[in-house]
Amino acid sequence: MVATHSTDELAQLADPAKNLVPSLGIVGIEVSQKVANIVGELRMSSGVIVAAKAAETSGLEAPLEVGDVIHRVNGEPVTSLDDLQARLKALDVSSPVVLQVERDSRLQDVIQEQ
C-alpha cells in the first residue's frame, strides 16, 4: 500500500471524469515517470495505477486498493488507461476478470466475479 501523502498526490493527478473505470470501481492513471516517483520503484514500467476508489461504480467492485498497479487483464498486458478500458469492454459480461496487480512490490492475481 502507498503512504497516505502519496495517495493524495496520486488522486490529484487523476481526473475523475476522464480516468473513471466504472467496471472496477476505480479512478486510474497510467504509470509514468511522475507516477513512479510518487509510488517508488515498480516491478514493471507500464500499467494503470489505482489513484482512488470511485464514488460511482457499475455495481461490482474489484478488491483493489489505492496504489495497486494493474499490469494484466486475463493474461493480456495493460499499457495504458485506454488499453485497460478496451480489454474490460471486450470481455463477456458473465466471465470472471483476473487482474495481475502489483501491491507492496509483489505481483498477485485479483479476481472479480461479474
PDB file of N, CA and C in Angstrom:
ATOM      1  N   MET A   1       0.842  -1.182   0.000  1.00  0.00           N
ATOM      2  CA  MET A   1       0.000   0.000   0.000  1.00  0.00           C
ATOM      3  C   MET A   1       0.885   1.242   0.000  1.00  0.00           C
ATOM      4  N   VAL A   2       0.436   2.265  -0.677  1.00  0.00           N
ATOM      5  CA  VAL A   2       1.177   3.502  -0.789  1.00  0.00           C
ATOM      6  C   VAL A   2       0.881   4.376   0.424  1.00  0.00           C
ATOM      7  N   ALA A   3       1.860   5.130   0.886  1.00  0.00           N
ATOM      8  CA  ALA A   3       1.686   6.020   2.043  1.00  0.00           C
ATOM      9  C   ALA A   3       0.596   7.049   1.766  1.00  0.00           C
ATOM     10  N   THR A   4      -0.038   7.553   2.843  1.00  0.00           N
ATOM     11  CA  THR A   4      -1.165   8.475   2.708  1.00  0.00           C
ATOM     12  C   THR A   4      -0.818   9.716   1.899  1.00  0.00           C
ATOM     13  N   HIS A   5       0.341  10.327   2.161  1.00  0.00           N
ATOM     14  CA  HIS A   5       0.682  11.531   1.396  1.00  0.00           C
ATOM     15  C   HIS A   5       0.823  11.209  -0.086  1.00  0.00           C
ATOM     16  N   SER A   6       1.279  10.008  -0.424  1.00  0.00           N
ATOM     17  CA  SER A   6       1.393   9.595  -1.816  1.00  0.00           C
ATOM     18  C   SER A   6       0.021   9.380  -2.446  1.00  0.00           C
ATOM     19  N   THR A   7      -0.923   8.829  -1.679  1.00  0.00           N
ATOM     20  CA  THR A   7      -2.259   8.611  -2.230  1.00  0.00           C
ATOM     21  C   THR A   7      -2.916   9.943  -2.557  1.00  0.00           C
ATOM     22  N   ASP A   8      -2.664  10.958  -1.741  1.00  0.00           N
ATOM     23  CA  ASP A   8      -3.198  12.291  -2.033  1.00  0.00           C
ATOM     24  C   ASP A   8      -2.607  12.829  -3.333  1.00  0.00           C
ATOM     25  N   GLU A   9      -1.307  12.638  -3.521  1.00  0.00           N
ATOM     26  CA  GLU A   9      -0.648  13.087  -4.749  1.00  0.00           C
ATOM     27  C   GLU A   9      -1.208  12.356  -5.961  1.00  0.00           C
ATOM     28  N   LEU A  10      -1.435  11.050  -5.837  1.00  0.00           N
ATOM     29  CA  LEU A  10      -1.997  10.271  -6.939  1.00  0.00           C
ATOM     30  C   LEU A  10      -3.391  10.768  -7.293  1.00  0.00           C
ATOM     31  N   ALA A  11      -4.214  10.993  -6.276  1.00  0.00           N
ATOM     32  CA  ALA A  11      -5.586  11.457  -6.502  1.00  0.00           C
ATOM     33  C   ALA A  11      -5.595  12.800  -7.228  1.00  0.00           C
ATOM     34  N   GLN A  12      -4.612  13.659  -6.933  1.00  0.00           N
ATOM     35  CA  GLN A  12      -4.549  14.966  -7.589  1.00  0.00           C
ATOM     36  C   GLN A  12      -4.191  14.858  -9.066  1.00  0.00           C
ATOM     37  N   LEU A  13      -3.517  13.778  -9.461  1.00  0.00           N
ATOM     38  CA  LEU A  13      -3.142  13.580 -10.867  1.00  0.00           C
ATOM     39  C   LEU A  13      -4.302  13.074 -11.718  1.00  0.00           C
ATOM     40  N   ALA A  14      -5.324  12.540 -11.074  1.00  0.00           N
ATOM     41  CA  ALA A  14      -6.426  11.905 -11.801  1.00  0.00           C
ATOM     42  C   ALA A  14      -7.598  12.857 -11.991  1.00  0.00           C
ATOM     43  N   ASP A  15      -8.207  12.776 -13.166  1.00  0.00           N
ATOM     44  CA  ASP A  15      -9.436  13.490 -13.460  1.00  0.00           C
ATOM     45  C   ASP A  15     -10.562  12.460 -13.331  1.00  0.00           C
ATOM     46  N   PRO A  16     -11.390  12.560 -12.268  1.00  0.00           N
ATOM     47  CA  PRO A  16     -12.417  11.530 -12.045  1.00  0.00           C
ATOM     48  C   PRO A  16     -13.320  11.287 -13.243  1.00  0.00           C
ATOM     49  N   ALA A  17     -13.600  12.312 -14.028  1.00  0.00           N
ATOM     50  CA  ALA A  17     -14.467  12.122 -15.195  1.00  0.00           C
ATOM     51  C   ALA A  17     -13.739  11.364 -16.299  1.00  0.00           C
ATOM     52  N   LYS A  18     -12.491  11.692 -16.540  1.00  0.00           N
ATOM     53  CA  LYS A  18     -11.730  11.093 -17.632  1.00  0.00           C
ATOM     54  C   LYS A  18     -11.097   9.757 -17.240  1.00  0.00           C
ATOM     55  N   ASN A  19     -10.761   9.588 -15.974  1.00  0.00           N
ATOM     56  CA  ASN A  19      -9.999   8.432 -15.525  1.00  0.00           C
ATOM     57  C   ASN A  19     -10.837   7.366 -14.814  1.00  0.00           C
ATOM     58  N   LEU A  20     -12.148   7.524 -14.842  1.00  0.00           N
ATOM     59  CA  LEU A  20     -13.035   6.576 -14.167  1.00  0.00           C
ATOM     60  C   LEU A  20     -13.066   5.242 -14.909  1.00  0.00           C
ATOM     61  N   VAL A  21     -12.932   4.163 -14.154  1.00  0.00           N
ATOM     62  CA  VAL A  21     -13.089   2.809 -14.689  1.00  0.00           C
ATOM     63  C   VAL A  21     -14.243   2.193 -13.898  1.00  0.00           C
ATOM     64  N   PRO A  22     -15.496   2.456 -14.325  1.00  0.00           N
ATOM     65  CA  PRO A  22     -16.658   2.066 -13.517  1.00  0.00           C
ATOM     66  C   PRO A  22     -16.778   0.564 -13.278  1.00  0.00           C
ATOM     67  N   SER A  23     -16.342  -0.241 -14.233  1.00  0.00           N
ATOM     68  CA  SER A  23     -16.480  -1.688 -14.052  1.00  0.00           C
ATOM     69  C   SER A  23     -15.584  -2.223 -12.941  1.00  0.00           C
ATOM     70  N   LEU A  24     -14.535  -1.479 -12.589  1.00  0.00           N
ATOM     71  CA  LEU A  24     -13.666  -1.886 -11.484  1.00  0.00           C
ATOM     72  C   LEU A  24     -13.894  -1.035 -10.237  1.00  0.00           C
ATOM     73  N   GLY A  25     -14.652   0.044 -10.378  1.00  0.00           N
ATOM     74  CA  GLY A  25     -14.911   0.918  -9.232  1.00  0.00           C
ATOM     75  C   GLY A  25     -13.697   1.721  -8.813  1.00  0.00           C
ATOM     76  N   ILE A  26     -12.890   2.126  -9.814  1.00  0.00           N
ATOM     77  CA  ILE A  26     -11.663   2.872  -9.514  1.00  0.00           C
ATOM     78  C   ILE A  26     -11.513   4.093 -10.411  1.00  0.00           C
ATOM     79  N   VAL A  27     -10.635   4.979  -9.988  1.00  0.00           N
ATOM     80  CA  VAL A  27     -10.118   6.046 -10.824  1.00  0.00           C
ATOM     81  C   VAL A  27      -8.658   5.674 -11.054  1.00  0.00           C
ATOM     82  N   GLY A  28      -8.275   5.493 -12.321  1.00  0.00           N
ATOM     83  CA  GLY A  28      -6.931   5.025 -12.626  1.00  0.00           C
ATOM     84  C   GLY A  28      -6.121   6.029 -13.410  1.00  0.00           C
ATOM     85  N   ILE A  29      -4.801   5.958 -13.254  1.00  0.00           N
ATOM     86  CA  ILE A  29      -3.900   6.785 -14.047  1.00  0.00           C
ATOM     87  C   ILE A  29      -2.788   5.900 -14.590  1.00  0.00           C
ATOM     88  N   GLU A  30      -2.310   6.269 -15.768  1.00  0.00           N
ATOM     89  CA  GLU A  30      -1.256   5.491 -16.402  1.00  0.00           C
ATOM     90  C   GLU A  30       0.050   5.666 -15.656  1.00  0.00           C
ATOM     91  N   VAL A  31       0.823   4.594 -15.606  1.00  0.00           N
ATOM     92  CA  VAL A  31       2.139   4.663 -14.992  1.00  0.00           C
ATOM     93  C   VAL A  31       3.024   5.531 -15.889  1.00  0.00           C
ATOM     94  N   SER A  32       3.637   6.526 -15.283  1.00  0.00           N
ATOM     95  CA  SER A  32       4.563   7.416 -15.971  1.00  0.00           C
ATOM     96  C   SER A  32       5.742   7.642 -15.023  1.00  0.00           C
ATOM     97  N   GLN A  33       6.729   8.385 -15.472  1.00  0.00           N
ATOM     98  CA  GLN A  33       7.873   8.663 -14.601  1.00  0.00           C
ATOM     99  C   GLN A  33       7.419   9.446 -13.374  1.00  0.00           C
ATOM    100  N   LYS A  34       6.503  10.385 -13.563  1.00  0.00           N
ATOM    101  CA  LYS A  34       5.990  11.190 -12.444  1.00  0.00           C
ATOM    102  C   LYS A  34       5.290  10.302 -11.418  1.00  0.00           C
ATOM    103  N   VAL A  35       4.467   9.383 -11.904  1.00  0.00           N
ATOM    104  CA  VAL A  35       3.752   8.459 -11.017  1.00  0.00           C
ATOM    105  C   VAL A  35       4.751   7.544 -10.310  1.00  0.00           C
ATOM    106  N   ALA A  36       5.729   7.047 -11.045  1.00  0.00           N
ATOM    107  CA  ALA A  36       6.744   6.165 -10.450  1.00  0.00           C
ATOM    108  C   ALA A  36       7.513   6.893  -9.345  1.00  0.00           C
ATOM    109  N   ASN A  37       7.762   8.170  -9.529  1.00  0.00           N
ATOM    110  CA  ASN A  37       8.448   8.949  -8.487  1.00  0.00           C
ATOM    111  C   ASN A  37       7.610   9.044  -7.221  1.00  0.00           C
ATOM    112  N   ILE A  38       6.293   9.076  -7.377  1.00  0.00           N
ATOM    113  CA  ILE A  38       5.390   9.174  -6.217  1.00  0.00           C
ATOM    114  C   ILE A  38       5.312   7.837  -5.482  1.00  0.00           C
ATOM    115  N   VAL A  39       5.135   6.758  -6.216  1.00  0.00           N
ATOM    116  CA  VAL A  39       4.896   5.454  -5.575  1.00  0.00           C
ATOM    117  C   VAL A  39       6.169   4.668  -5.285  1.00  0.00           C
ATOM    118  N   GLY A  40       7.277   5.071  -5.886  1.00  0.00           N
ATOM    119  CA  GLY A  40       8.517   4.330  -5.681  1.00  0.00           C
ATOM    120  C   GLY A  40       8.737   3.326  -6.789  1.00  0.00           C
ATOM    121  N   GLU A  41       9.715   2.488  -6.599  1.00  0.00           N
ATOM    122  CA  GLU A  41      10.110   1.535  -7.634  1.00  0.00           C
ATOM    123  C   GLU A  41       9.001   0.531  -7.922  1.00  0.00           C
ATOM    124  N   LEU A  42       8.759   0.320  -9.214  1.00  0.00           N
ATOM    125  CA  LEU A  42       7.754  -0.648  -9.650  1.00  0.00           C
ATOM    126  C   LEU A  42       8.449  -1.797 -10.368  1.00  0.00           C
ATOM    127  N   ARG A  43       7.832  -2.970 -10.313  1.00  0.00           N
ATOM    128  CA  ARG A  43       8.397  -4.151 -10.980  1.00  0.00           C
ATOM    129  C   ARG A  43       8.346  -4.019 -12.500  1.00  0.00           C
ATOM    130  N   MET A  44       7.312  -3.329 -13.000  1.00  0.00           N
ATOM    131  CA  MET A  44       7.153  -3.112 -14.443  1.00  0.00           C
ATOM    132  C   MET A  44       6.904  -1.626 -14.676  1.00  0.00           C
ATOM    133  N   SER A  45       7.346  -1.132 -15.814  1.00  0.00           N
ATOM    134  CA  SER A  45       7.251   0.301 -16.076  1.00  0.00           C
ATOM    135  C   SER A  45       5.978   0.718 -16.807  1.00  0.00           C
ATOM    136  N   SER A  46       5.012  -0.184 -16.922  1.00  0.00           N
ATOM    137  CA  SER A  46       3.744   0.167 -17.560  1.00  0.00           C
ATOM    138  C   SER A  46       2.593  -0.390 -16.736  1.00  0.00           C
ATOM    139  N   GLY A  47       1.416   0.110 -17.031  1.00  0.00           N
ATOM    140  CA  GLY A  47       0.220  -0.337 -16.328  1.00  0.00           C
ATOM    141  C   GLY A  47      -0.641   0.843 -15.928  1.00  0.00           C
ATOM    142  N   VAL A  48      -1.656   0.552 -15.137  1.00  0.00           N
ATOM    143  CA  VAL A  48      -2.570   1.582 -14.641  1.00  0.00           C
ATOM    144  C   VAL A  48      -2.602   1.475 -13.125  1.00  0.00           C
ATOM    145  N   ILE A  49      -2.351   2.593 -12.470  1.00  0.00           N
ATOM    146  CA  ILE A  49      -2.327   2.607 -11.010  1.00  0.00           C
ATOM    147  C   ILE A  49      -3.677   3.094 -10.481  1.00  0.00           C
ATOM    148  N   VAL A  50      -4.135   2.483  -9.407  1.00  0.00           N
ATOM    149  CA  VAL A  50      -5.385   2.888  -8.762  1.00  0.00           C
ATOM    150  C   VAL A  50      -5.098   4.155  -7.965  1.00  0.00           C
ATOM    151  N   ALA A  51      -5.626   5.286  -8.457  1.00  0.00           N
ATOM    152  CA  ALA A  51      -5.405   6.570  -7.792  1.00  0.00           C
ATOM    153  C   ALA A  51      -6.436   6.813  -6.701  1.00  0.00           C
ATOM    154  N   ALA A  52      -7.632   6.250  -6.884  1.00  0.00           N
ATOM    155  CA  ALA A  52      -8.710   6.435  -5.905  1.00  0.00           C
ATOM    156  C   ALA A  52      -9.793   5.398  -6.158  1.00  0.00           C
ATOM    157  N   LYS A  53     -10.589   5.142  -5.147  1.00  0.00           N
ATOM    158  CA  LYS A  53     -11.784   4.320  -5.314  1.00  0.00           C
ATOM    159  C   LYS A  53     -12.872   5.252  -5.837  1.00  0.00           C
ATOM    160  N   ALA A  54     -13.667   4.770  -6.752  1.00  0.00           N
ATOM    161  CA  ALA A  54     -14.692   5.597  -7.381  1.00  0.00           C
ATOM    162  C   ALA A  54     -15.942   5.670  -6.524  1.00  0.00           C
ATOM    163  N   ALA A  55     -16.557   6.838  -6.519  1.00  0.00           N
ATOM    164  CA  ALA A  55     -17.827   7.003  -5.811  1.00  0.00           C
ATOM    165  C   ALA A  55     -18.943   6.311  -6.583  1.00  0.00           C
ATOM    166  N   GLU A  56     -18.850   6.363  -7.920  1.00  0.00           N
ATOM    167  CA  GLU A  56     -19.856   5.744  -8.779  1.00  0.00           C
ATOM    168  C   GLU A  56     -19.250   4.509  -9.428  1.00  0.00           C
ATOM    169  N   THR A  57     -19.949   3.397  -9.331  1.00  0.00           N
ATOM    170  CA  THR A  57     -19.471   2.163  -9.955  1.00  0.00           C
ATOM    171  C   THR A  57     -20.603   1.534 -10.745  1.00  0.00           C
ATOM    172  N   SER A  58     -20.279   0.485 -11.457  1.00  0.00           N
ATOM    173  CA  SER A  58     -21.304  -0.226 -12.219  1.00  0.00           C
ATOM    174  C   SER A  58     -21.980  -1.290 -11.363  1.00  0.00           C
ATOM    175  N   GLY A  59     -21.738  -1.244 -10.069  1.00  0.00           N
ATOM    176  CA  GLY A  59     -22.378  -2.201  -9.171  1.00  0.00           C
ATOM    177  C   GLY A  59     -21.425  -3.255  -8.656  1.00  0.00           C
ATOM    178  N   LEU A  60     -20.363  -3.526  -9.374  1.00  0.00           N
ATOM    179  CA  LEU A  60     -19.369  -4.507  -8.947  1.00  0.00           C
ATOM    180  C   LEU A  60     -18.043  -3.792  -8.726  1.00  0.00           C
ATOM    181  N   GLU A  61     -17.407  -4.100  -7.635  1.00  0.00           N
ATOM    182  CA  GLU A  61     -16.110  -3.510  -7.366  1.00  0.00           C
ATOM    183  C   GLU A  61     -15.073  -4.596  -7.256  1.00  0.00           C
ATOM    184  N   ALA A  62     -13.947  -4.395  -7.885  1.00  0.00           N
ATOM    185  CA  ALA A  62     -12.831  -5.322  -7.737  1.00  0.00           C
ATOM    186  C   ALA A  62     -12.162  -5.028  -6.399  1.00  0.00           C
ATOM    187  N   PRO A  63     -11.600  -6.046  -5.761  1.00  0.00           N
ATOM    188  CA  PRO A  63     -10.925  -5.834  -4.479  1.00  0.00           C
ATOM    189  C   PRO A  63      -9.558  -5.179  -4.677  1.00  0.00           C
ATOM    190  N   LEU A  64      -9.581  -3.951  -5.148  1.00  0.00           N
ATOM    191  CA  LEU A  64      -8.352  -3.202  -5.397  1.00  0.00           C
ATOM    192  C   LEU A  64      -8.161  -2.150  -4.327  1.00  0.00           C
ATOM    193  N   GLU A  65      -6.908  -1.770  -4.118  1.00  0.00           N
ATOM    194  CA  GLU A  65      -6.565  -0.749  -3.135  1.00  0.00           C
ATOM    195  C   GLU A  65      -5.862   0.395  -3.841  1.00  0.00           C
ATOM    196  N   VAL A  66      -5.955   1.592  -3.266  1.00  0.00           N
ATOM    197  CA  VAL A  66      -5.236   2.733  -3.812  1.00  0.00           C
ATOM    198  C   VAL A  66      -3.743   2.393  -3.798  1.00  0.00           C
ATOM    199  N   GLY A  67      -3.091   2.639  -4.927  1.00  0.00           N
ATOM    200  CA  GLY A  67      -1.670   2.320  -5.055  1.00  0.00           C
ATOM    201  C   GLY A  67      -1.410   1.027  -5.807  1.00  0.00           C
ATOM    202  N   ASP A  68      -2.430   0.177  -5.975  1.00  0.00           N
ATOM    203  CA  ASP A  68      -2.266  -1.044  -6.765  1.00  0.00           C
ATOM    204  C   ASP A  68      -1.986  -0.655  -8.215  1.00  0.00           C
ATOM    205  N   VAL A  69      -1.128  -1.433  -8.872  1.00  0.00           N
ATOM    206  CA  VAL A  69      -0.851  -1.209 -10.287  1.00  0.00           C
ATOM    207  C   VAL A  69      -1.371  -2.415 -11.067  1.00  0.00           C
ATOM    208  N   ILE A  70      -2.275  -2.163 -11.996  1.00  0.00           N
ATOM    209  CA  ILE A  70      -2.841  -3.225 -12.829  1.00  0.00           C
ATOM    210  C   ILE A  70      -1.921  -3.403 -14.034  1.00  0.00           C
ATOM    211  N   HIS A  71      -1.343  -4.611 -14.161  1.00  0.00           N
ATOM    212  CA  HIS A  71      -0.423  -4.894 -15.258  1.00  0.00           C
ATOM    213  C   HIS A  71      -1.053  -5.766 -16.348  1.00  0.00           C
ATOM    214  N   ARG A  72      -2.046  -6.617 -15.985  1.00  0.00           N
ATOM    215  CA  ARG A  72      -2.655  -7.516 -16.969  1.00  0.00           C
ATOM    216  C   ARG A  72      -4.135  -7.716 -16.656  1.00  0.00           C
ATOM    217  N   VAL A  73      -4.912  -7.955 -17.708  1.00  0.00           N
ATOM    218  CA  VAL A  73      -6.317  -8.341 -17.593  1.00  0.00           C
ATOM    219  C   VAL A  73      -6.452  -9.675 -18.309  1.00  0.00           C
ATOM    220  N   ASN A  74      -6.825 -10.708 -17.557  1.00  0.00           N
ATOM    221  CA  ASN A  74      -6.967 -12.068 -18.111  1.00  0.00           C
ATOM    222  C   ASN A  74      -5.748 -12.461 -18.951  1.00  0.00           C
ATOM    223  N   GLY A  75      -4.568 -12.143 -18.442  1.00  0.00           N
ATOM    224  CA  GLY A  75      -3.324 -12.530 -19.087  1.00  0.00           C
ATOM    225  C   GLY A  75      -2.820 -11.590 -20.159  1.00  0.00           C
ATOM    226  N   GLU A  76      -3.640 -10.611 -20.559  1.00  0.00           N
ATOM    227  CA  GLU A  76      -3.252  -9.662 -21.599  1.00  0.00           C
ATOM    228  C   GLU A  76      -2.635  -8.410 -20.966  1.00  0.00           C
ATOM    229  N   PRO A  77      -1.487  -7.939 -21.471  1.00  0.00           N
ATOM    230  CA  PRO A  77      -0.828  -6.780 -20.873  1.00  0.00           C
ATOM    231  C   PRO A  77      -1.657  -5.496 -20.980  1.00  0.00           C
ATOM    232  N   VAL A  78      -1.541  -4.675 -19.953  1.00  0.00           N
ATOM    233  CA  VAL A  78      -2.196  -3.368 -19.914  1.00  0.00           C
ATOM    234  C   VAL A  78      -1.091  -2.317 -19.924  1.00  0.00           C
ATOM    235  N   THR A  79      -1.087  -1.474 -20.959  1.00  0.00           N
ATOM    236  CA  THR A  79      -0.045  -0.457 -21.060  1.00  0.00           C
ATOM    237  C   THR A  79      -0.567   0.965 -20.876  1.00  0.00           C
ATOM    238  N   SER A  80      -1.899   1.123 -20.923  1.00  0.00           N
ATOM    239  CA  SER A  80      -2.481   2.462 -20.798  1.00  0.00           C
ATOM    240  C   SER A  80      -3.900   2.351 -20.243  1.00  0.00           C
ATOM    241  N   LEU A  81      -4.461   3.481 -19.874  1.00  0.00           N
ATOM    242  CA  LEU A  81      -5.841   3.519 -19.390  1.00  0.00           C
ATOM    243  C   LEU A  81      -6.807   3.109 -20.509  1.00  0.00           C
ATOM    244  N   ASP A  82      -6.557   3.584 -21.726  1.00  0.00           N
ATOM    245  CA  ASP A  82      -7.399   3.192 -22.865  1.00  0.00           C
ATOM    246  C   ASP A  82      -7.328   1.686 -23.104  1.00  0.00           C
ATOM    247  N   ASP A  83      -6.139   1.142 -22.947  1.00  0.00           N
ATOM    248  CA  ASP A  83      -5.919  -0.296 -23.100  1.00  0.00           C
ATOM    249  C   ASP A  83      -6.730  -1.076 -22.058  1.00  0.00           C
ATOM    250  N   LEU A  84      -6.689  -0.615 -20.813  1.00  0.00           N
ATOM    251  CA  LEU A  84      -7.451  -1.258 -19.741  1.00  0.00           C
ATOM    252  C   LEU A  84      -8.946  -1.216 -20.056  1.00  0.00           C
ATOM    253  N   GLN A  85      -9.440  -0.043 -20.426  1.00  0.00           N
ATOM    254  CA  GLN A  85     -10.866   0.112 -20.745  1.00  0.00           C
ATOM    255  C   GLN A  85     -11.270  -0.816 -21.898  1.00  0.00           C
ATOM    256  N   ALA A  86     -10.449  -0.880 -22.940  1.00  0.00           N
ATOM    257  CA  ALA A  86     -10.762  -1.710 -24.108  1.00  0.00           C
ATOM    258  C   ALA A  86     -10.780  -3.189 -23.729  1.00  0.00           C
ATOM    259  N   ARG A  87      -9.824  -3.631 -22.938  1.00  0.00           N
ATOM    260  CA  ARG A  87      -9.761  -5.045 -22.536  1.00  0.00           C
ATOM    261  C   ARG A  87     -10.977  -5.417 -21.679  1.00  0.00           C
ATOM    262  N   LEU A  88     -11.386  -4.523 -20.804  1.00  0.00           N
ATOM    263  CA  LEU A  88     -12.548  -4.796 -19.959  1.00  0.00           C
ATOM    264  C   LEU A  88     -13.832  -4.828 -20.789  1.00  0.00           C
ATOM    265  N   LYS A  89     -13.966  -3.922 -21.760  1.00  0.00           N
ATOM    266  CA  LYS A  89     -15.165  -3.880 -22.604  1.00  0.00           C
ATOM    267  C   LYS A  89     -15.275  -5.117 -23.491  1.00  0.00           C
ATOM    268  N   ALA A  90     -14.126  -5.678 -23.878  1.00  0.00           N
ATOM    269  CA  ALA A  90     -14.115  -6.835 -24.784  1.00  0.00           C
ATOM    270  C   ALA A  90     -14.503  -8.131 -24.083  1.00  0.00           C
ATOM    271  N   LEU A  91     -14.534  -8.133 -22.763  1.00  0.00           N
ATOM    272  CA  LEU A  91     -14.836  -9.355 -22.020  1.00  0.00           C
ATOM    273  C   LEU A  91     -16.324  -9.660 -22.021  1.00  0.00           C
ATOM    274  N   ASP A  92     -16.643 -10.927 -21.995  1.00  0.00           N
ATOM    275  CA  ASP A  92     -18.021 -11.372 -21.835  1.00  0.00           C
ATOM    276  C   ASP A  92     -18.474 -10.975 -20.434  1.00  0.00           C
ATOM    277  N   VAL A  93     -19.666 -10.412 -20.324  1.00  0.00           N
ATOM    278  CA  VAL A  93     -20.149  -9.909 -19.037  1.00  0.00           C
ATOM    279  C   VAL A  93     -20.268 -10.990 -17.963  1.00  0.00           C
ATOM    280  N   SER A  94     -20.389 -12.249 -18.372  1.00  0.00           N
ATOM    281  CA  SER A  94     -20.546 -13.309 -17.381  1.00  0.00           C
ATOM    282  C   SER A  94     -19.221 -13.964 -16.982  1.00  0.00           C
ATOM    283  N   SER A  95     -18.134 -13.595 -17.651  1.00  0.00           N
ATOM    284  CA  SER A  95     -16.865 -14.240 -17.322  1.00  0.00           C
ATOM    285  C   SER A  95     -16.128 -13.477 -16.220  1.00  0.00           C
ATOM    286  N   PRO A  96     -15.404 -14.206 -15.362  1.00  0.00           N
ATOM    287  CA  PRO A  96     -14.643 -13.533 -14.317  1.00  0.00           C
ATOM    288  C   PRO A  96     -13.468 -12.751 -14.909  1.00  0.00           C
ATOM    289  N   VAL A  97     -13.043 -11.741 -14.208  1.00  0.00           N
ATOM    290  CA  VAL A  97     -11.915 -10.932 -14.631  1.00  0.00           C
ATOM    291  C   VAL A  97     -10.763 -11.215 -13.677  1.00  0.00           C
ATOM    292  N   VAL A  98      -9.611 -11.601 -14.244  1.00  0.00           N
ATOM    293  CA  VAL A  98      -8.422 -11.826 -13.431  1.00  0.00           C
ATOM    294  C   VAL A  98      -7.443 -10.699 -13.737  1.00  0.00           C
ATOM    295  N   LEU A  99      -7.161  -9.910 -12.717  1.00  0.00           N
ATOM    296  CA  LEU A  99      -6.233  -8.792 -12.860  1.00  0.00           C
ATOM    297  C   LEU A  99      -4.900  -9.164 -12.233  1.00  0.00           C
ATOM    298  N   GLN A 100      -3.803  -8.982 -12.969  1.00  0.00           N
ATOM    299  CA  GLN A 100      -2.492  -9.120 -12.349  1.00  0.00           C
ATOM    300  C   GLN A 100      -2.162  -7.743 -11.789  1.00  0.00           C
ATOM    301  N   VAL A 101      -1.977  -7.713 -10.466  1.00  0.00           N
ATOM    302  CA  VAL A 101      -1.804  -6.461  -9.753  1.00  0.00           C
ATOM    303  C   VAL A 101      -0.482  -6.489  -9.000  1.00  0.00           C
ATOM    304  N   GLU A 102       0.190  -5.348  -9.014  1.00  0.00           N
ATOM    305  CA  GLU A 102       1.375  -5.182  -8.181  1.00  0.00           C
ATOM    306  C   GLU A 102       0.959  -4.423  -6.928  1.00  0.00           C
ATOM    307  N   ARG A 103       1.180  -5.059  -5.788  1.00  0.00           N
ATOM    308  CA  ARG A 103       0.842  -4.451  -4.494  1.00  0.00           C
ATOM    309  C   ARG A 103       1.995  -4.732  -3.544  1.00  0.00           C
ATOM    310  N   ASP A 104       2.487  -3.698  -2.906  1.00  0.00           N
ATOM    311  CA  ASP A 104       3.620  -3.845  -1.978  1.00  0.00           C
ATOM    312  C   ASP A 104       4.784  -4.567  -2.645  1.00  0.00           C
ATOM    313  N   SER A 105       5.092  -4.199  -3.877  1.00  0.00           N
ATOM    314  CA  SER A 105       6.210  -4.753  -4.657  1.00  0.00           C
ATOM    315  C   SER A 105       6.058  -6.234  -5.003  1.00  0.00           C
ATOM    316  N   ARG A 106       4.867  -6.778  -4.835  1.00  0.00           N
ATOM    317  CA  ARG A 106       4.619  -8.179  -5.188  1.00  0.00           C
ATOM    318  C   ARG A 106       3.517  -8.258  -6.231  1.00  0.00           C
ATOM    319  N   LEU A 107       3.665  -9.189  -7.163  1.00  0.00           N
ATOM    320  CA  LEU A 107       2.616  -9.430  -8.148  1.00  0.00           C
ATOM    321  C   LEU A 107       1.633 -10.447  -7.597  1.00  0.00           C
ATOM    322  N   GLN A 108       0.363 -10.195  -7.799  1.00  0.00           N
ATOM    323  CA  GLN A 108      -0.675 -11.132  -7.363  1.00  0.00           C
ATOM    324  C   GLN A 108      -1.862 -11.023  -8.295  1.00  0.00           C
ATOM    325  N   ASP A 109      -2.660 -12.061  -8.320  1.00  0.00           N
ATOM    326  CA  ASP A 109      -3.886 -12.050  -9.111  1.00  0.00           C
ATOM    327  C   ASP A 109      -5.059 -11.655  -8.235  1.00  0.00           C
ATOM    328  N   VAL A 110      -5.874 -10.748  -8.755  1.00  0.00           N
ATOM    329  CA  VAL A 110      -7.089 -10.317  -8.090  1.00  0.00           C
ATOM    330  C   VAL A 110      -8.232 -10.707  -9.008  1.00  0.00           C
ATOM    331  N   ILE A 111      -9.199 -11.439  -8.475  1.00  0.00           N
ATOM    332  CA  ILE A 111     -10.307 -11.940  -9.289  1.00  0.00           C
ATOM    333  C   ILE A 111     -11.573 -11.165  -8.964  1.00  0.00           C
ATOM    334  N   GLN A 112     -12.249 -10.730 -10.015  1.00  0.00           N
ATOM    335  CA  GLN A 112     -13.543 -10.062  -9.867  1.00  0.00           C
ATOM    336  C   GLN A 112     -14.577 -10.897 -10.595  1.00  0.00           C
ATOM    337  N   GLU A 113     -15.525 -11.399  -9.856  1.00  0.00           N
ATOM    338  CA  GLU A 113     -16.648 -12.127 -10.474  1.00  0.00           C
ATOM    339  C   GLU A 113     -17.622 -11.107 -11.007  1.00  0.00           C
ATOM    340  N   GLN A 114     -18.133 -11.359 -12.223  1.00  0.00           N
ATOM    341  CA  GLN A 114     -19.073 -10.422 -12.853  1.00  0.00           C
ATOM    342  C   GLN A 114     -20.471 -10.616 -12.318  1.00  0.00           C
TER     343      GLN A 114
END
